[in-house]
C-alpha atoms as a PDB file:
ATOM      1  CA  MET A   1      12.758 -15.249  35.843  1.00  0.00           C
ATOM      2  CA  LYS A   2      14.806 -14.928  32.656  1.00  0.00           C
ATOM      3  CA  LEU A   3      13.367 -18.208  31.363  1.00  0.00           C
ATOM      4  CA  PHE A   4       9.832 -16.956  32.056  1.00  0.00           C
ATOM      5  CA  ASP A   5      10.555 -13.709  30.221  1.00  0.00           C
ATOM      6  CA  LEU A   6      11.963 -15.646  27.270  1.00  0.00           C
ATOM      7  CA  LEU A   7       8.984 -17.995  27.044  1.00  0.00           C
ATOM      8  CA  PHE A   8       6.522 -15.144  27.501  1.00  0.00           C
ATOM      9  CA  GLY A   9       8.258 -13.147  24.779  1.00  0.00           C
ATOM     10  CA  ARG A  10       8.101 -16.082  22.383  1.00  0.00           C
ATOM     11  CA  ALA A  11       4.399 -16.579  23.124  1.00  0.00           C
ATOM     12  CA  ILE A  12       3.735 -12.915  22.344  1.00  0.00           C
ATOM     13  CA  ASP A  13       5.747 -13.185  19.117  1.00  0.00           C
ATOM     14  CA  ARG A  14       3.711 -16.237  18.039  1.00  0.00           C
ATOM     15  CA  ARG A  15       0.460 -14.398  18.834  1.00  0.00           C
ATOM     16  CA  ILE A  16       1.542 -11.402  16.757  1.00  0.00           C
ATOM     17  CA  LEU A  17       2.657 -13.648  13.895  1.00  0.00           C
ATOM     18  CA  ASN A  18      -0.686 -15.485  13.901  1.00  0.00           C
ATOM     19  CA  ASP A  19      -2.589 -12.194  13.863  1.00  0.00           C
ATOM     20  CA  GLN A  20      -0.470 -10.914  10.992  1.00  0.00           C
ATOM     21  CA  ASN A  21      -0.961 -14.120   8.996  1.00  0.00           C
ATOM     22  CA  GLU A  22      -4.736 -13.851   9.441  1.00  0.00           C
ATOM     23  CA  LEU A  23      -4.624 -10.236   8.274  1.00  0.00           C
ATOM     24  CA  ILE A  24      -2.568 -11.148   5.217  1.00  0.00           C
ATOM     25  CA  ALA A  25      -4.923 -13.996   4.339  1.00  0.00           C
ATOM     26  CA  ARG A  26      -7.896 -11.636   4.574  1.00  0.00           C
ATOM     27  CA  HIS A  27      -6.207  -9.064   2.323  1.00  0.00           C
ATOM     28  CA  CYS A  28      -5.340 -11.731  -0.250  1.00  0.00           C
ATOM     29  CA  GLU A  29      -8.934 -12.934  -0.246  1.00  0.00           C
ATOM     30  CA  GLU A  30     -10.147  -9.375  -0.860  1.00  0.00           C
ATOM     31  CA  VAL A  31      -7.847  -9.034  -3.867  1.00  0.00           C
ATOM     32  CA  GLN A  32      -8.996 -12.362  -5.293  1.00  0.00           C
ATOM     33  CA  ASN A  33     -12.587 -11.135  -4.963  1.00  0.00           C
ATOM     34  CA  MET A  34     -11.646  -7.989  -6.881  1.00  0.00           C
ATOM     35  CA  TYR A  35     -10.100 -10.080  -9.637  1.00  0.00           C
ATOM     36  CA  SER A  36     -13.270 -12.191  -9.792  1.00  0.00           C
ATOM     37  CA  GLN A  37     -15.350  -9.040 -10.206  1.00  0.00           C
ATOM     38  CA  MET A  38     -13.171  -7.916 -13.111  1.00  0.00           C
ATOM     39  CA  ARG A  39     -13.449 -11.293 -14.807  1.00  0.00           C
ATOM     40  CA  GLY A  40     -17.210 -11.170 -14.323  1.00  0.00           C
ATOM     41  CA  TRP A  41     -17.399  -7.708 -15.893  1.00  0.00           C
ATOM     42  CA  ARG A  42     -15.534  -8.941 -18.967  1.00  0.00           C
ATOM     43  CA  HIS A  43     -17.823 -11.960 -19.174  1.00  0.00           C
ATOM     44  CA  ASP A  44     -20.883  -9.710 -19.114  1.00  0.00           C
ATOM     45  CA  TYR A  45     -19.506  -7.370 -21.797  1.00  0.00           C
ATOM     46  CA  HIS A  46     -21.464  -9.112 -24.580  1.00  0.00           C
ATOM     47  CA  ASN A  47     -24.709  -8.825 -22.619  1.00  0.00           C
ATOM     48  CA  HIS A  48     -24.102  -5.094 -22.087  1.00  0.00           C
ATOM     49  CA  ILE A  49     -23.692  -4.600 -25.816  1.00  0.00           C
ATOM     50  CA  GLN A  50     -26.936  -6.434 -26.549  1.00  0.00           C
ATOM     51  CA  THR A  51     -28.797  -4.352 -23.978  1.00  0.00           C
ATOM     52  CA  MET A  52     -27.505  -1.063 -25.415  1.00  0.00           C
ATOM     53  CA  LEU A  53     -28.457  -2.125 -28.940  1.00  0.00           C
ATOM     54  CA  ALA A  54     -31.971  -2.786 -27.693  1.00  0.00           C
ATOM     55  CA  LEU A  55     -32.102   0.703 -26.151  1.00  0.00           C
ATOM     56  CA  THR A  56     -30.888   2.646 -29.199  1.00  0.00           C
ATOM     57  CA  GLU A  57     -34.374   4.079 -29.758  1.00  0.00           C
ATOM     58  CA  HIS A  58     -34.586   5.240 -26.131  1.00  0.00           C
ATOM     59  CA  PRO A  59     -31.782   7.822 -25.610  1.00  0.00           C
ATOM     60  CA  GLY A  60     -32.701   8.585 -22.000  1.00  0.00           C
ATOM     61  CA  GLN A  61     -32.595   4.963 -20.931  1.00  0.00           C
ATOM     62  CA  ILE A  62     -29.372   4.185 -22.754  1.00  0.00           C
ATOM     63  CA  ARG A  63     -27.727   7.234 -21.142  1.00  0.00           C
ATOM     64  CA  ASP A  64     -28.686   6.017 -17.660  1.00  0.00           C
ATOM     65  CA  TYR A  65     -27.396   2.562 -18.518  1.00  0.00           C
ATOM     66  CA  LEU A  66     -24.065   3.932 -19.746  1.00  0.00           C
ATOM     67  CA  LEU A  67     -23.637   5.997 -16.582  1.00  0.00           C
ATOM     68  CA  LYS A  68     -24.105   2.866 -14.462  1.00  0.00           C
ATOM     69  CA  LEU A  69     -21.585   0.972 -16.587  1.00  0.00           C
ATOM     70  CA  ASN A  70     -19.121   3.843 -16.243  1.00  0.00           C
ATOM     71  CA  ASP A  71     -19.389   3.672 -12.442  1.00  0.00           C
ATOM     72  CA  ASP A  72     -18.676  -0.063 -12.538  1.00  0.00           C
ATOM     73  CA  LEU A  73     -15.679   0.406 -14.845  1.00  0.00           C
ATOM     74  CA  THR A  74     -14.283   3.196 -12.660  1.00  0.00           C
ATOM     75  CA  ALA A  75     -14.406   0.872  -9.652  1.00  0.00           C
ATOM     76  CA  VAL A  76     -12.485  -1.774 -11.618  1.00  0.00           C
ATOM     77  CA  ASP A  77      -9.817   0.688 -12.791  1.00  0.00           C
ATOM     78  CA  THR A  78      -8.990   1.743  -9.231  1.00  0.00           C
ATOM     79  CA  VAL A  79      -7.687  -1.737  -8.403  1.00  0.00           C
ATOM     80  CA  ILE A  80      -3.895  -2.004  -8.288  1.00  0.00           C
ATOM     81  CA  ARG A  81      -2.588  -5.082 -10.129  1.00  0.00           C
ATOM     82  CA  THR A  82       1.157  -5.365  -9.666  1.00  0.00           C
ATOM     83  CA  GLY A  83       1.672  -9.043 -10.460  1.00  0.00           C
ATOM     84  CA  ASN A  84       2.464  -9.801  -6.799  1.00  0.00           C
ATOM     85  CA  VAL A  85      -0.486 -10.947  -4.690  1.00  0.00           C
ATOM     86  CA  MET A  86       0.950  -9.692  -1.389  1.00  0.00           C
ATOM     87  CA  VAL A  87       1.647  -6.189  -2.714  1.00  0.00           C
ATOM     88  CA  ASP A  88      -1.794  -6.125  -4.353  1.00  0.00           C
ATOM     89  CA  ALA A  89      -3.451  -7.123  -1.103  1.00  0.00           C
ATOM     90  CA  ILE A  90      -1.901  -4.532   1.184  1.00  0.00           C
ATOM     91  CA  LEU A  91      -1.993  -1.656  -1.331  1.00  0.00           C
ATOM     92  CA  ASN A  92      -5.624  -2.156  -2.352  1.00  0.00           C
ATOM     93  CA  SER A  93      -6.715  -2.501   1.251  1.00  0.00           C
ATOM     94  CA  LYS A  94      -4.979   0.740   2.279  1.00  0.00           C
ATOM     95  CA  LEU A  95      -5.937   2.675  -0.874  1.00  0.00           C
ATOM     96  CA  SER A  96      -9.578   1.770  -0.395  1.00  0.00           C
ATOM     97  CA  LEU A  97      -9.470   3.219   3.119  1.00  0.00           C
ATOM     98  CA  ILE A  98      -7.691   6.372   1.919  1.00  0.00           C
ATOM     99  CA  ARG A  99     -10.278   6.974  -0.820  1.00  0.00           C
ATOM    100  CA  SER A 100     -13.059   6.791   1.761  1.00  0.00           C
ATOM    101  CA  HIS A 101     -11.602   9.966   3.318  1.00  0.00           C
ATOM    102  CA  ASP A 102     -11.661  11.932   0.034  1.00  0.00           C
ATOM    103  CA  ILE A 103      -7.875  12.113  -0.207  1.00  0.00           C
ATOM    104  CA  ARG A 104      -6.392  12.468  -3.689  1.00  0.00           C
ATOM    105  CA  ILE A 105      -4.369   9.402  -4.671  1.00  0.00           C
ATOM    106  CA  SER A 106      -1.746   8.664  -7.289  1.00  0.00           C
ATOM    107  CA  ALA A 107      -0.576   5.035  -7.163  1.00  0.00           C
ATOM    108  CA  LYS A 108       1.541   2.878  -9.450  1.00  0.00           C
ATOM    109  CA  ALA A 109       3.153  -0.450  -8.654  1.00  0.00           C
ATOM    110  CA  VAL A 110       4.856  -3.119 -10.755  1.00  0.00           C
ATOM    111  CA  VAL A 111       6.817  -5.829  -8.952  1.00  0.00           C
ATOM    112  CA  PRO A 112       7.937  -9.430  -9.558  1.00  0.00           C
ATOM    113  CA  GLU A 113       5.532 -12.203  -8.633  1.00  0.00           C
ATOM    114  CA  SER A 114       8.118 -13.648  -6.249  1.00  0.00           C
ATOM    115  CA  LEU A 115      10.426 -11.679  -3.940  1.00  0.00           C
ATOM    116  CA  ASN A 116      13.169 -12.617  -1.468  1.00  0.00           C
ATOM    117  CA  ILE A 117      11.466 -10.333   1.063  1.00  0.00           C
ATOM    118  CA  SER A 118       9.110 -12.120   3.437  1.00  0.00           C
ATOM    119  CA  ASP A 119       5.381 -11.400   3.190  1.00  0.00           C
ATOM    120  CA  ILE A 120       5.322 -10.288   6.827  1.00  0.00           C
ATOM    121  CA  ASP A 121       8.164  -7.787   6.368  1.00  0.00           C
ATOM    122  CA  LEU A 122       6.652  -6.416   3.156  1.00  0.00           C
ATOM    123  CA  CYS A 123       3.280  -6.047   4.864  1.00  0.00           C
ATOM    124  CA  ILE A 124       4.870  -4.170   7.778  1.00  0.00           C
ATOM    125  CA  ILE A 125       6.731  -1.743   5.514  1.00  0.00           C
ATOM    126  CA  LEU A 126       3.853  -0.945   3.164  1.00  0.00           C
ATOM    127  CA  GLY A 127       1.274  -0.942   5.940  1.00  0.00           C
ATOM    128  CA  ASN A 128       3.198   1.469   8.154  1.00  0.00           C
ATOM    129  CA  LEU A 129       4.097   3.796   5.275  1.00  0.00           C
ATOM    130  CA  MET A 130       0.478   4.003   4.136  1.00  0.00           C
ATOM    131  CA  ASP A 131      -0.875   4.351   7.675  1.00  0.00           C
ATOM    132  CA  ASN A 132       1.536   7.191   8.458  1.00  0.00           C
ATOM    133  CA  ALA A 133       0.636   8.982   5.221  1.00  0.00           C
ATOM    134  CA  LEU A 134      -3.080   8.645   5.951  1.00  0.00           C
ATOM    135  CA  GLU A 135      -2.682   9.877   9.528  1.00  0.00           C
ATOM    136  CA  ALA A 136      -0.749  12.919   8.298  1.00  0.00           C
ATOM    137  CA  CYS A 137      -3.502  13.750   5.795  1.00  0.00           C
ATOM    138  CA  LEU A 138      -6.258  13.325   8.367  1.00  0.00           C
ATOM    139  CA  ARG A 139      -4.572  15.941  10.567  1.00  0.00           C
ATOM    140  CA  GLN A 140      -5.103  18.464   7.765  1.00  0.00           C
ATOM    141  CA  GLU A 141      -8.323  20.292   7.007  1.00  0.00           C
ATOM    142  CA  PRO A 142     -10.579  18.333   4.613  1.00  0.00           C
ATOM    143  CA  SER A 143     -10.799  21.437   2.426  1.00  0.00           C
ATOM    144  CA  SER A 144      -7.008  21.493   1.923  1.00  0.00           C
ATOM    145  CA  ASP A 145      -5.195  19.780  -0.948  1.00  0.00           C
ATOM    146  CA  ARG A 146      -4.627  16.443   0.752  1.00  0.00           C
ATOM    147  CA  PHE A 147      -2.841  13.852  -1.340  1.00  0.00           C
ATOM    148  CA  ILE A 148      -0.871  10.609  -1.184  1.00  0.00           C
ATOM    149  CA  ARG A 149       1.439   9.365  -3.943  1.00  0.00           C
ATOM    150  CA  VAL A 150       2.651   5.764  -3.993  1.00  0.00           C
ATOM    151  CA  TYR A 151       5.162   4.097  -6.277  1.00  0.00           C
ATOM    152  CA  VAL A 152       6.506   0.551  -5.987  1.00  0.00           C
ATOM    153  CA  GLY A 153       8.830  -0.949  -8.580  1.00  0.00           C
ATOM    154  CA  ILE A 154      12.295  -2.230  -9.413  1.00  0.00           C
ATOM    155  CA  LEU A 155      15.053   0.393  -9.466  1.00  0.00           C
ATOM    156  CA  ARG A 156      18.744  -0.420  -9.856  1.00  0.00           C
ATOM    157  CA  LYS A 157      18.140  -4.114  -9.051  1.00  0.00           C
ATOM    158  CA  GLN A 158      16.344  -3.245  -5.829  1.00  0.00           C
ATOM    159  CA  LEU A 159      12.735  -3.150  -4.698  1.00  0.00           C
ATOM    160  CA  TYR A 160      11.962   0.566  -4.555  1.00  0.00           C
ATOM    161  CA  ILE A 161       9.061   1.882  -2.450  1.00  0.00           C
ATOM    162  CA  SER A 162       8.167   5.569  -2.399  1.00  0.00           C
ATOM    163  CA  VAL A 163       5.310   7.145  -0.441  1.00  0.00           C
ATOM    164  CA  GLN A 164       4.688  10.896  -0.450  1.00  0.00           C
ATOM    165  CA  ASN A 165       1.936  12.775   1.342  1.00  0.00           C
ATOM    166  CA  SER A 166       0.811  16.315   1.925  1.00  0.00           C
ATOM    167  CA  ALA A 167       1.907  17.591   5.321  1.00  0.00           C
ATOM    168  CA  GLY A 168       0.315  20.475   7.167  1.00  0.00           C
ATOM    169  CA  GLY A 169       2.055  22.282  10.000  1.00  0.00           C
ATOM    170  CA  GLU A 170       5.486  21.640  11.448  1.00  0.00           C
ATOM    171  CA  ILE A 171       7.024  18.182  11.144  1.00  0.00           C
ATOM    172  CA  ARG A 172       8.866  17.316  14.339  1.00  0.00           C
ATOM    173  CA  ARG A 173      12.429  16.017  14.336  1.00  0.00           C
ATOM    174  CA  SER A 174      14.959  14.900  16.912  1.00  0.00           C
ATOM    175  CA  GLY A 175      18.356  15.411  15.317  1.00  0.00           C
ATOM    176  CA  ARG A 176      18.168  13.579  11.991  1.00  0.00           C
ATOM    177  CA  LYS A 177      15.235  11.445  13.133  1.00  0.00           C
ATOM    178  CA  TYR A 178      11.632  12.292  12.220  1.00  0.00           C
ATOM    179  CA  LEU A 179       8.979  11.902  14.906  1.00  0.00           C
ATOM    180  CA  THR A 180       5.360  10.933  14.418  1.00  0.00           C
ATOM    181  CA  VAL A 181       2.628  12.353  16.617  1.00  0.00           C
ATOM    182  CA  LYS A 182       2.373   8.920  18.260  1.00  0.00           C
ATOM    183  CA  GLU A 183       6.109   8.970  19.020  1.00  0.00           C
ATOM    184  CA  GLU A 184       5.654  12.147  20.974  1.00  0.00           C
ATOM    185  CA  HIS A 185       3.487  10.087  23.335  1.00  0.00           C
ATOM    186  CA  GLY A 186       5.776   7.073  23.310  1.00  0.00           C
ATOM    187  CA  HIS A 187       3.785   4.839  20.953  1.00  0.00           C
ATOM    188  CA  GLY A 188       5.401   5.445  17.533  1.00  0.00           C
ATOM    189  CA  LEU A 189       6.989   2.150  16.544  1.00  0.00           C
ATOM    190  CA  GLY A 190       6.202   2.190  12.824  1.00  0.00           C
ATOM    191  CA  LEU A 191       9.223   4.197  11.688  1.00  0.00           C
ATOM    192  CA  ALA A 192      11.595   2.114  13.794  1.00  0.00           C
ATOM    193  CA  ARG A 193      10.135  -1.136  12.439  1.00  0.00           C
ATOM    194  CA  ILE A 194      10.669   0.040   8.853  1.00  0.00           C
ATOM    195  CA  ASP A 195      14.271   0.927   9.684  1.00  0.00           C
ATOM    196  CA  ARG A 196      14.925  -2.458  11.279  1.00  0.00           C
ATOM    197  CA  ILE A 197      13.508  -4.376   8.314  1.00  0.00           C
ATOM    198  CA  ALA A 198      15.548  -2.312   5.856  1.00  0.00           C
ATOM    199  CA  GLU A 199      18.663  -3.053   7.909  1.00  0.00           C
ATOM    200  CA  LYS A 200      17.771  -6.756   7.938  1.00  0.00           C
ATOM    201  CA  TYR A 201      17.912  -6.842   4.113  1.00  0.00           C
ATOM    202  CA  SER A 202      20.918  -4.472   3.892  1.00  0.00           C
ATOM    203  CA  GLY A 203      18.547  -1.891   2.505  1.00  0.00           C
ATOM    204  CA  TYR A 204      18.195   1.860   2.701  1.00  0.00           C
ATOM    205  CA  VAL A 205      15.602   4.302   4.066  1.00  0.00           C
ATOM    206  CA  ASN A 206      15.474   7.973   3.145  1.00  0.00           C
ATOM    207  CA  ARG A 207      12.998  10.463   4.635  1.00  0.00           C
ATOM    208  CA  GLN A 208      12.634  14.057   3.518  1.00  0.00           C
ATOM    209  CA  SER A 209      10.308  16.931   4.290  1.00  0.00           C
ATOM    210  CA  GLU A 210       9.970  20.198   2.399  1.00  0.00           C
ATOM    211  CA  GLU A 211       7.289  22.639   1.249  1.00  0.00           C
ATOM    212  CA  GLY A 212       4.347  20.796   2.751  1.00  0.00           C
ATOM    213  CA  VAL A 213       5.340  17.350   1.470  1.00  0.00           C
ATOM    214  CA  PHE A 214       6.706  14.422   3.457  1.00  0.00           C
ATOM    215  CA  ALA A 215       8.405  11.640   1.491  1.00  0.00           C
ATOM    216  CA  THR A 216       9.830   8.250   2.401  1.00  0.00           C
ATOM    217  CA  GLU A 217      11.907   6.030   0.128  1.00  0.00           C
ATOM    218  CA  VAL A 218      12.774   2.421   0.944  1.00  0.00           C
ATOM    219  CA  MET A 219      15.181   0.364  -1.166  1.00  0.00           C
ATOM    220  CA  LEU A 220      15.651  -3.362  -0.544  1.00  0.00           C
ATOM    221  CA  PRO A 221      18.221  -5.380  -2.560  1.00  0.00           C
ATOM    222  CA  LEU A 222      16.810  -8.274  -4.568  1.00  0.00           C
ATOM    223  CA  LEU A 223      18.358 -11.709  -4.948  1.00  0.00           C
ATOM    224  CA  CYS A 224      19.750 -13.124  -8.165  1.00  0.00           C
ATOM    225  CA  ASN A 225      19.017 -16.704  -9.256  1.00  0.00           C
ATOM    226  CA  SER A 226      21.926 -18.061  -7.224  1.00  0.00           C
ATOM    227  CA  GLY A 227      20.394 -16.643  -4.056  1.00  0.00           C
ATOM    228  CA  SER A 228      23.045 -13.969  -3.444  1.00  0.00           C
ATOM    229  CA  ILE A 229      22.200 -10.288  -3.127  1.00  0.00           C
ATOM    230  CA  LEU A 230      22.576  -8.404  -6.373  1.00  0.00           C
ATOM    231  CA  ASN A 231      25.297  -5.768  -6.429  1.00  0.00           C
ATOM    232  CA  ARG A 232      24.031  -2.264  -5.962  1.00  0.00           C
ATOM    233  CA  SER A 233      24.646   0.287  -8.689  1.00  0.00           C
ATOM    234  CA  ARG A 234      24.887   3.828  -7.497  1.00  0.00           C
END
């Protein structure tokens, strides 16, 4: 029976890993498509100039043309370009979904192209943080000041991830542990998964809630060239 449980567990783990890899590949493809659109816009810049010069004697038409160009440029500017394809993929995917719900966003991310943190673990952390922030905002009235702030960067030789969101109503806790709505029904695994991954990399997770804002910070030590974990500076 124990052997069956072990084999079954491994089969489930492989299934989950395959699903996650497919999701990551899809996100990366989406980001590459975004980059292609930006390169195409730059390529067409000369043609836009020629068209506007031809419309200089038609103010109404040139105004309409400029408004369309502004919409295209706004769409390009909303793309996060961190320098790391994995971070780009997950952030842009989640931010696009958040924007579709008319939630105010402030996002900034700059990270190394290569990290000692596995793509799967990074996807789990960022994905769960963004999903939890979105779920919290969706529980608030659309007319309220719903917002999500995201920052990813290098701080004190560690990968630093910060996600803040507006929070309406009471945030539930059990001792020092925060509970999601899903945890109240026995299905909230996201917070625990983040904690386990942080522990795996000898990292740190800090959650705080005050004055209608919920914030989570995750710090994961980076490796130096020799492969050892860089010393933390407090």
